[in-house]
Amino acid sequence: EGKRREKLSLIGDFSSSAEFFVTIAVFAFLYSLA
């Protein structure tokens, strides 16, 4: 509609499950090394 543009964003926040997974992996790695 002319030169006008709209600003959009994706939907959802999935950081909790991803960060929890990575945190467990890091601590498991450190403990297994120790």
PDB file of all heavy atoms in Angstrom:
ATOM      1  N   GLU A   1       0.857  -1.186   0.000  1.00  0.00           N
ATOM      2  CA  GLU A   1       0.000   0.000   0.000  1.00  0.00           C
ATOM      3  C   GLU A   1       0.898   1.243   0.000  1.00  0.00           C
ATOM      4  O   GLU A   1       1.111   1.878   1.034  1.00  0.00           O
ATOM      5  CB  GLU A   1      -0.930   0.012   1.212  1.00  0.00           C
ATOM      6  CG  GLU A   1      -1.917  -1.141   1.243  1.00  0.00           C
ATOM      7  CD  GLU A   1      -2.753  -1.156   2.507  1.00  0.00           C
ATOM      8  OE1 GLU A   1      -2.490  -0.289   3.391  1.00  0.00           O
ATOM      9  OE2 GLU A   1      -3.644  -2.012   2.629  1.00  0.00           O
ATOM     10  N   GLY A   2       1.470   1.503  -1.106  1.00  0.00           N
ATOM     11  CA  GLY A   2       2.425   2.596  -1.203  1.00  0.00           C
ATOM     12  C   GLY A   2       3.781   2.147  -0.674  1.00  0.00           C
ATOM     13  O   GLY A   2       4.156   0.969  -0.717  1.00  0.00           O
ATOM     14  N   LYS A   3       4.529   3.083  -0.164  1.00  0.00           N
ATOM     15  CA  LYS A   3       5.863   2.794   0.346  1.00  0.00           C
ATOM     16  C   LYS A   3       5.856   2.387   1.820  1.00  0.00           C
ATOM     17  O   LYS A   3       6.913   2.167   2.397  1.00  0.00           O
ATOM     18  CB  LYS A   3       6.746   4.032   0.173  1.00  0.00           C
ATOM     19  CG  LYS A   3       6.943   4.439  -1.289  1.00  0.00           C
ATOM     20  CD  LYS A   3       7.729   3.381  -2.053  1.00  0.00           C
ATOM     21  CE  LYS A   3       8.003   3.825  -3.484  1.00  0.00           C
ATOM     22  NZ  LYS A   3       8.755   2.815  -4.252  1.00  0.00           N
ATOM     23  N   ARG A   4       4.721   2.318   2.391  1.00  0.00           N
ATOM     24  CA  ARG A   4       4.642   2.019   3.823  1.00  0.00           C
ATOM     25  C   ARG A   4       5.000   0.551   4.087  1.00  0.00           C
ATOM     26  O   ARG A   4       4.574  -0.342   3.357  1.00  0.00           O
ATOM     27  CB  ARG A   4       3.233   2.322   4.345  1.00  0.00           C
ATOM     28  CG  ARG A   4       3.124   2.229   5.867  1.00  0.00           C
ATOM     29  CD  ARG A   4       1.745   2.727   6.298  1.00  0.00           C
ATOM     30  NE  ARG A   4       0.696   1.842   5.774  1.00  0.00           N
ATOM     31  CZ  ARG A   4       0.272   0.747   6.419  1.00  0.00           C
ATOM     32  NH1 ARG A   4       0.817   0.408   7.578  1.00  0.00           N
ATOM     33  NH2 ARG A   4      -0.698   0.047   5.891  1.00  0.00           N
ATOM     34  N   ARG A   5       5.746   0.369   5.159  1.00  0.00           N
ATOM     35  CA  ARG A   5       6.142  -0.974   5.578  1.00  0.00           C
ATOM     36  C   ARG A   5       5.691  -1.170   7.025  1.00  0.00           C
ATOM     37  O   ARG A   5       5.584  -0.219   7.810  1.00  0.00           O
ATOM     38  CB  ARG A   5       7.658  -1.175   5.467  1.00  0.00           C
ATOM     39  CG  ARG A   5       8.185  -1.036   4.025  1.00  0.00           C
ATOM     40  CD  ARG A   5       9.711  -1.151   4.002  1.00  0.00           C
ATOM     41  NE  ARG A   5      10.163  -2.496   4.322  1.00  0.00           N
ATOM     42  CZ  ARG A   5      10.330  -3.458   3.422  1.00  0.00           C
ATOM     43  NH1 ARG A   5      10.063  -3.224   2.126  1.00  0.00           N
ATOM     44  NH2 ARG A   5      10.770  -4.633   3.771  1.00  0.00           N
ATOM     45  N   GLU A   6       5.465  -2.391   7.347  1.00  0.00           N
ATOM     46  CA  GLU A   6       5.034  -2.711   8.708  1.00  0.00           C
ATOM     47  C   GLU A   6       6.131  -3.491   9.433  1.00  0.00           C
ATOM     48  O   GLU A   6       6.893  -4.247   8.837  1.00  0.00           O
ATOM     49  CB  GLU A   6       3.744  -3.530   8.675  1.00  0.00           C
ATOM     50  CG  GLU A   6       3.844  -4.852   7.950  1.00  0.00           C
ATOM     51  CD  GLU A   6       2.528  -5.604   7.936  1.00  0.00           C
ATOM     52  OE1 GLU A   6       1.612  -5.193   8.675  1.00  0.00           O
ATOM     53  OE2 GLU A   6       2.425  -6.601   7.188  1.00  0.00           O
ATOM     54  N   LYS A   7       6.199  -3.274  10.726  1.00  0.00           N
ATOM     55  CA  LYS A   7       7.196  -3.948  11.553  1.00  0.00           C
ATOM     56  C   LYS A   7       6.521  -5.081  12.314  1.00  0.00           C
ATOM     57  O   LYS A   7       5.569  -4.866  13.076  1.00  0.00           O
ATOM     58  CB  LYS A   7       7.834  -2.967  12.535  1.00  0.00           C
ATOM     59  CG  LYS A   7       9.035  -3.540  13.275  1.00  0.00           C
ATOM     60  CD  LYS A   7       9.726  -2.473  14.107  1.00  0.00           C
ATOM     61  CE  LYS A   7      10.979  -3.030  14.766  1.00  0.00           C
ATOM     62  NZ  LYS A   7      11.678  -1.975  15.552  1.00  0.00           N
ATOM     63  N   LEU A   8       7.022  -6.276  12.094  1.00  0.00           N
ATOM     64  CA  LEU A   8       6.448  -7.476  12.699  1.00  0.00           C
ATOM     65  C   LEU A   8       7.495  -8.213  13.527  1.00  0.00           C
ATOM     66  O   LEU A   8       8.695  -7.919  13.469  1.00  0.00           O
ATOM     67  CB  LEU A   8       5.898  -8.404  11.613  1.00  0.00           C
ATOM     68  CG  LEU A   8       4.830  -7.816  10.687  1.00  0.00           C
ATOM     69  CD1 LEU A   8       4.517  -8.789   9.565  1.00  0.00           C
ATOM     70  CD2 LEU A   8       3.568  -7.466  11.469  1.00  0.00           C
ATOM     71  N   SER A   9       7.042  -9.170  14.281  1.00  0.00           N
ATOM     72  CA  SER A   9       7.945 -10.016  15.081  1.00  0.00           C
ATOM     73  C   SER A   9       7.399 -11.438  15.099  1.00  0.00           C
ATOM     74  O   SER A   9       6.181 -11.659  14.932  1.00  0.00           O
ATOM     75  CB  SER A   9       8.090  -9.485  16.506  1.00  0.00           C
ATOM     76  OG  SER A   9       6.840  -9.485  17.171  1.00  0.00           O
ATOM     77  N   LEU A  10       8.308 -12.381  15.314  1.00  0.00           N
ATOM     78  CA  LEU A  10       7.889 -13.775  15.428  1.00  0.00           C
ATOM     79  C   LEU A  10       7.131 -13.981  16.734  1.00  0.00           C
ATOM     80  O   LEU A  10       7.116 -13.119  17.623  1.00  0.00           O
ATOM     81  CB  LEU A  10       9.107 -14.692  15.359  1.00  0.00           C
ATOM     82  CG  LEU A  10       9.918 -14.656  14.050  1.00  0.00           C
ATOM     83  CD1 LEU A  10      11.105 -15.597  14.135  1.00  0.00           C
ATOM     84  CD2 LEU A  10       9.039 -15.015  12.858  1.00  0.00           C
ATOM     85  N   ILE A  11       6.522 -15.122  16.867  1.00  0.00           N
ATOM     86  CA  ILE A  11       5.675 -15.424  18.023  1.00  0.00           C
ATOM     87  C   ILE A  11       6.323 -16.513  18.871  1.00  0.00           C
ATOM     88  O   ILE A  11       6.786 -17.535  18.353  1.00  0.00           O
ATOM     89  CB  ILE A  11       4.273 -15.879  17.575  1.00  0.00           C
ATOM     90  CG1 ILE A  11       3.591 -14.770  16.771  1.00  0.00           C
ATOM     91  CG2 ILE A  11       3.421 -16.267  18.774  1.00  0.00           C
ATOM     92  CD1 ILE A  11       2.254 -15.204  16.198  1.00  0.00           C
ATOM     93  N   GLY A  12       6.363 -16.269  20.179  1.00  0.00           N
ATOM     94  CA  GLY A  12       6.789 -17.308  21.105  1.00  0.00           C
ATOM     95  C   GLY A  12       8.095 -17.001  21.807  1.00  0.00           C
ATOM     96  O   GLY A  12       8.959 -16.303  21.278  1.00  0.00           O
ATOM     97  N   ASP A  13       8.226 -17.549  23.028  1.00  0.00           N
ATOM     98  CA  ASP A  13       9.460 -17.473  23.814  1.00  0.00           C
ATOM     99  C   ASP A  13       9.757 -18.871  24.334  1.00  0.00           C
ATOM    100  O   ASP A  13       9.068 -19.378  25.222  1.00  0.00           O
ATOM    101  CB  ASP A  13       9.300 -16.488  24.966  1.00  0.00           C
ATOM    102  CG  ASP A  13      10.590 -16.332  25.772  1.00  0.00           C
ATOM    103  OD1 ASP A  13      11.618 -16.908  25.375  1.00  0.00           O
ATOM    104  OD2 ASP A  13      10.555 -15.632  26.804  1.00  0.00           O
ATOM    105  N   PHE A  14      10.770 -19.481  23.784  1.00  0.00           N
ATOM    106  CA  PHE A  14      11.121 -20.864  24.131  1.00  0.00           C
ATOM    107  C   PHE A  14      12.491 -20.935  24.806  1.00  0.00           C
ATOM    108  O   PHE A  14      13.175 -21.958  24.737  1.00  0.00           O
ATOM    109  CB  PHE A  14      11.098 -21.722  22.869  1.00  0.00           C
ATOM    110  CG  PHE A  14       9.855 -21.547  22.053  1.00  0.00           C
ATOM    111  CD1 PHE A  14       9.850 -20.747  20.917  1.00  0.00           C
ATOM    112  CD2 PHE A  14       8.665 -22.139  22.442  1.00  0.00           C
ATOM    113  CE1 PHE A  14       8.695 -20.571  20.174  1.00  0.00           C
ATOM    114  CE2 PHE A  14       7.512 -21.974  21.695  1.00  0.00           C
ATOM    115  CZ  PHE A  14       7.520 -21.184  20.564  1.00  0.00           C
ATOM    116  N   SER A  15      12.855 -19.853  25.458  1.00  0.00           N
ATOM    117  CA  SER A  15      14.178 -19.787  26.079  1.00  0.00           C
ATOM    118  C   SER A  15      14.279 -20.656  27.325  1.00  0.00           C
ATOM    119  O   SER A  15      15.364 -21.149  27.651  1.00  0.00           O
ATOM    120  CB  SER A  15      14.512 -18.334  26.440  1.00  0.00           C
ATOM    121  OG  SER A  15      13.542 -17.803  27.331  1.00  0.00           O
ATOM    122  N   SER A  16      13.174 -20.833  28.041  1.00  0.00           N
ATOM    123  CA  SER A  16      13.238 -21.572  29.307  1.00  0.00           C
ATOM    124  C   SER A  16      13.667 -23.023  29.088  1.00  0.00           C
ATOM    125  O   SER A  16      14.582 -23.524  29.760  1.00  0.00           O
ATOM    126  CB  SER A  16      11.882 -21.519  30.022  1.00  0.00           C
ATOM    127  OG  SER A  16      10.864 -22.060  29.190  1.00  0.00           O
ATOM    128  N   SER A  17      13.026 -23.709  28.155  1.00  0.00           N
ATOM    129  CA  SER A  17      13.379 -25.113  27.907  1.00  0.00           C
ATOM    130  C   SER A  17      14.764 -25.249  27.289  1.00  0.00           C
ATOM    131  O   SER A  17      15.524 -26.162  27.635  1.00  0.00           O
ATOM    132  CB  SER A  17      12.334 -25.765  27.006  1.00  0.00           C
ATOM    133  OG  SER A  17      12.243 -25.090  25.759  1.00  0.00           O
ATOM    134  N   ALA A  18      15.120 -24.320  26.394  1.00  0.00           N
ATOM    135  CA  ALA A  18      16.436 -24.386  25.758  1.00  0.00           C
ATOM    136  C   ALA A  18      17.547 -24.105  26.763  1.00  0.00           C
ATOM    137  O   ALA A  18      18.567 -24.816  26.803  1.00  0.00           O
ATOM    138  CB  ALA A  18      16.504 -23.396  24.597  1.00  0.00           C
ATOM    139  N   GLU A  19      17.378 -23.089  27.586  1.00  0.00           N
ATOM    140  CA  GLU A  19      18.408 -22.755  28.573  1.00  0.00           C
ATOM    141  C   GLU A  19      18.519 -23.824  29.656  1.00  0.00           C
ATOM    142  O   GLU A  19      19.620 -24.102  30.141  1.00  0.00           O
ATOM    143  CB  GLU A  19      18.102 -21.396  29.193  1.00  0.00           C
ATOM    144  CG  GLU A  19      18.305 -20.232  28.229  1.00  0.00           C
ATOM    145  CD  GLU A  19      17.916 -18.908  28.842  1.00  0.00           C
ATOM    146  OE1 GLU A  19      17.159 -18.926  29.846  1.00  0.00           O
ATOM    147  OE2 GLU A  19      18.350 -17.856  28.331  1.00  0.00           O
ATOM    148  N   PHE A  20      17.402 -24.393  30.040  1.00  0.00           N
ATOM    149  CA  PHE A  20      17.439 -25.481  31.023  1.00  0.00           C
ATOM    150  C   PHE A  20      18.203 -26.677  30.471  1.00  0.00           C
ATOM    151  O   PHE A  20      19.025 -27.284  31.174  1.00  0.00           O
ATOM    152  CB  PHE A  20      16.015 -25.877  31.384  1.00  0.00           C
ATOM    153  CG  PHE A  20      15.918 -27.004  32.370  1.00  0.00           C
ATOM    154  CD1 PHE A  20      16.597 -26.959  33.573  1.00  0.00           C
ATOM    155  CD2 PHE A  20      15.138 -28.118  32.103  1.00  0.00           C
ATOM    156  CE1 PHE A  20      16.511 -27.994  34.490  1.00  0.00           C
ATOM    157  CE2 PHE A  20      15.041 -29.156  32.997  1.00  0.00           C
ATOM    158  CZ  PHE A  20      15.729 -29.095  34.199  1.00  0.00           C
ATOM    159  N   PHE A  21      17.970 -27.012  29.228  1.00  0.00           N
ATOM    160  CA  PHE A  21      18.670 -28.121  28.596  1.00  0.00           C
ATOM    161  C   PHE A  21      20.176 -27.871  28.527  1.00  0.00           C
ATOM    162  O   PHE A  21      20.983 -28.738  28.877  1.00  0.00           O
ATOM    163  CB  PHE A  21      18.100 -28.349  27.195  1.00  0.00           C
ATOM    164  CG  PHE A  21      18.762 -29.446  26.422  1.00  0.00           C
ATOM    165  CD1 PHE A  21      18.440 -30.776  26.645  1.00  0.00           C
ATOM    166  CD2 PHE A  21      19.716 -29.158  25.455  1.00  0.00           C
ATOM    167  CE1 PHE A  21      19.051 -31.796  25.928  1.00  0.00           C
ATOM    168  CE2 PHE A  21      20.322 -30.167  24.728  1.00  0.00           C
ATOM    169  CZ  PHE A  21      19.993 -31.488  24.971  1.00  0.00           C
ATOM    170  N   VAL A  22      20.551 -26.687  28.097  1.00  0.00           N
ATOM    171  CA  VAL A  22      21.977 -26.358  27.987  1.00  0.00           C
ATOM    172  C   VAL A  22      22.641 -26.306  29.361  1.00  0.00           C
ATOM    173  O   VAL A  22      23.788 -26.744  29.532  1.00  0.00           O
ATOM    174  CB  VAL A  22      22.156 -25.032  27.233  1.00  0.00           C
ATOM    175  CG1 VAL A  22      23.603 -24.565  27.284  1.00  0.00           C
ATOM    176  CG2 VAL A  22      21.706 -25.180  25.786  1.00  0.00           C
ATOM    177  N   THR A  23      21.937 -25.791  30.356  1.00  0.00           N
ATOM    178  CA  THR A  23      22.497 -25.727  31.707  1.00  0.00           C
ATOM    179  C   THR A  23      22.783 -27.113  32.255  1.00  0.00           C
ATOM    180  O   THR A  23      23.858 -27.353  32.837  1.00  0.00           O
ATOM    181  CB  THR A  23      21.521 -24.982  32.641  1.00  0.00           C
ATOM    182  OG1 THR A  23      21.308 -23.660  32.149  1.00  0.00           O
ATOM    183  CG2 THR A  23      22.090 -24.897  34.052  1.00  0.00           C
ATOM    184  N   ILE A  24      21.854 -28.037  32.099  1.00  0.00           N
ATOM    185  CA  ILE A  24      22.070 -29.412  32.557  1.00  0.00           C
ATOM    186  C   ILE A  24      23.248 -30.032  31.820  1.00  0.00           C
ATOM    187  O   ILE A  24      24.078 -30.739  32.416  1.00  0.00           O
ATOM    188  CB  ILE A  24      20.793 -30.254  32.360  1.00  0.00           C
ATOM    189  CG1 ILE A  24      19.655 -29.689  33.219  1.00  0.00           C
ATOM    190  CG2 ILE A  24      21.057 -31.711  32.722  1.00  0.00           C
ATOM    191  CD1 ILE A  24      19.958 -29.619  34.688  1.00  0.00           C
ATOM    192  N   ALA A  25      23.350 -29.766  30.526  1.00  0.00           N
ATOM    193  CA  ALA A  25      24.456 -30.328  29.751  1.00  0.00           C
ATOM    194  C   ALA A  25      25.804 -29.792  30.235  1.00  0.00           C
ATOM    195  O   ALA A  25      26.781 -30.551  30.351  1.00  0.00           O
ATOM    196  CB  ALA A  25      24.259 -30.017  28.268  1.00  0.00           C
ATOM    197  N   VAL A  26      25.872 -28.508  30.533  1.00  0.00           N
ATOM    198  CA  VAL A  26      27.138 -27.914  30.995  1.00  0.00           C
ATOM    199  C   VAL A  26      27.538 -28.477  32.353  1.00  0.00           C
ATOM    200  O   VAL A  26      28.698 -28.866  32.571  1.00  0.00           O
ATOM    201  CB  VAL A  26      27.010 -26.380  31.045  1.00  0.00           C
ATOM    202  CG1 VAL A  26      28.227 -25.770  31.735  1.00  0.00           C
ATOM    203  CG2 VAL A  26      26.870 -25.811  29.645  1.00  0.00           C
ATOM    204  N   PHE A  27      26.585 -28.538  33.289  1.00  0.00           N
ATOM    205  CA  PHE A  27      26.908 -29.072  34.614  1.00  0.00           C
ATOM    206  C   PHE A  27      27.245 -30.556  34.560  1.00  0.00           C
ATOM    207  O   PHE A  27      28.106 -31.032  35.309  1.00  0.00           O
ATOM    208  CB  PHE A  27      25.747 -28.814  35.573  1.00  0.00           C
ATOM    209  CG  PHE A  27      25.729 -27.438  36.158  1.00  0.00           C
ATOM    210  CD1 PHE A  27      24.819 -26.500  35.717  1.00  0.00           C
ATOM    211  CD2 PHE A  27      26.646 -27.067  37.133  1.00  0.00           C
ATOM    212  CE1 PHE A  27      24.793 -25.223  36.250  1.00  0.00           C
ATOM    213  CE2 PHE A  27      26.639 -25.786  37.674  1.00  0.00           C
ATOM    214  CZ  PHE A  27      25.715 -24.856  37.229  1.00  0.00           C
ATOM    215  N   ALA A  28      26.578 -31.304  33.709  1.00  0.00           N
ATOM    216  CA  ALA A  28      26.911 -32.727  33.550  1.00  0.00           C
ATOM    217  C   ALA A  28      28.318 -32.887  32.986  1.00  0.00           C
ATOM    218  O   ALA A  28      29.063 -33.792  33.397  1.00  0.00           O
ATOM    219  CB  ALA A  28      25.894 -33.409  32.645  1.00  0.00           C
ATOM    220  N   PHE A  29      28.688 -32.028  32.057  1.00  0.00           N
ATOM    221  CA  PHE A  29      30.041 -32.071  31.500  1.00  0.00           C
ATOM    222  C   PHE A  29      31.091 -31.770  32.570  1.00  0.00           C
ATOM    223  O   PHE A  29      32.100 -32.483  32.690  1.00  0.00           O
ATOM    224  CB  PHE A  29      30.153 -31.060  30.353  1.00  0.00           C
ATOM    225  CG  PHE A  29      31.550 -30.830  29.872  1.00  0.00           C
ATOM    226  CD1 PHE A  29      32.211 -31.789  29.116  1.00  0.00           C
ATOM    227  CD2 PHE A  29      32.215 -29.649  30.175  1.00  0.00           C
ATOM    228  CE1 PHE A  29      33.509 -31.576  28.677  1.00  0.00           C
ATOM    229  CE2 PHE A  29      33.506 -29.430  29.743  1.00  0.00           C
ATOM    230  CZ  PHE A  29      34.160 -30.396  28.991  1.00  0.00           C
ATOM    231  N   LEU A  30      30.840 -30.743  33.376  1.00  0.00           N
ATOM    232  CA  LEU A  30      31.802 -30.379  34.422  1.00  0.00           C
ATOM    233  C   LEU A  30      31.915 -31.478  35.477  1.00  0.00           C
ATOM    234  O   LEU A  30      33.020 -31.813  35.923  1.00  0.00           O
ATOM    235  CB  LEU A  30      31.379 -29.061  35.073  1.00  0.00           C
ATOM    236  CG  LEU A  30      31.415 -27.823  34.174  1.00  0.00           C
ATOM    237  CD1 LEU A  30      30.897 -26.606  34.924  1.00  0.00           C
ATOM    238  CD2 LEU A  30      32.832 -27.576  33.643  1.00  0.00           C
ATOM    239  N   TYR A  31      30.780 -32.053  35.869  1.00  0.00           N
ATOM    240  CA  TYR A  31      30.835 -33.117  36.877  1.00  0.00           C
ATOM    241  C   TYR A  31      31.530 -34.365  36.340  1.00  0.00           C
ATOM    242  O   TYR A  31      32.302 -35.002  37.062  1.00  0.00           O
ATOM    243  CB  TYR A  31      29.428 -33.476  37.345  1.00  0.00           C
ATOM    244  CG  TYR A  31      29.432 -34.609  38.339  1.00  0.00           C
ATOM    245  CD1 TYR A  31      29.768 -34.393  39.664  1.00  0.00           C
ATOM    246  CD2 TYR A  31      29.123 -35.910  37.937  1.00  0.00           C
ATOM    247  CE1 TYR A  31      29.799 -35.436  40.574  1.00  0.00           C
ATOM    248  CE2 TYR A  31      29.145 -36.958  38.840  1.00  0.00           C
ATOM    249  CZ  TYR A  31      29.483 -36.713  40.158  1.00  0.00           C
ATOM    250  OH  TYR A  31      29.511 -37.752  41.058  1.00  0.00           O
ATOM    251  N   SER A  32      31.249 -34.723  35.096  1.00  0.00           N
ATOM    252  CA  SER A  32      31.893 -35.911  34.529  1.00  0.00           C
ATOM    253  C   SER A  32      33.398 -35.724  34.416  1.00  0.00           C
ATOM    254  O   SER A  32      34.167 -36.670  34.631  1.00  0.00           O
ATOM    255  CB  SER A  32      31.286 -36.230  33.162  1.00  0.00           C
ATOM    256  OG  SER A  32      31.461 -35.139  32.264  1.00  0.00           O
ATOM    257  N   LEU A  33      33.837 -34.504  34.113  1.00  0.00           N
ATOM    258  CA  LEU A  33      35.274 -34.239  34.089  1.00  0.00           C
ATOM    259  C   LEU A  33      35.882 -34.370  35.481  1.00  0.00           C
ATOM    260  O   LEU A  33      36.948 -34.981  35.662  1.00  0.00           O
ATOM    261  CB  LEU A  33      35.547 -32.848  33.527  1.00  0.00           C
ATOM    262  CG  LEU A  33      35.479 -32.659  32.014  1.00  0.00           C
ATOM    263  CD1 LEU A  33      35.875 -31.234  31.645  1.00  0.00           C
ATOM    264  CD2 LEU A  33      36.378 -33.654  31.291  1.00  0.00           C
ATOM    265  N   ALA A  34      35.216 -33.792  36.472  1.00  0.00           N
ATOM    266  CA  ALA A  34      35.717 -33.892  37.841  1.00  0.00           C
ATOM    267  C   ALA A  34      35.733 -35.342  38.311  1.00  0.00           C
ATOM    268  O   ALA A  34      36.684 -35.785  38.966  1.00  0.00           O
ATOM    269  CB  ALA A  34      34.852 -33.041  38.773  1.00  0.00           C
TER     270      ALA A  34
END
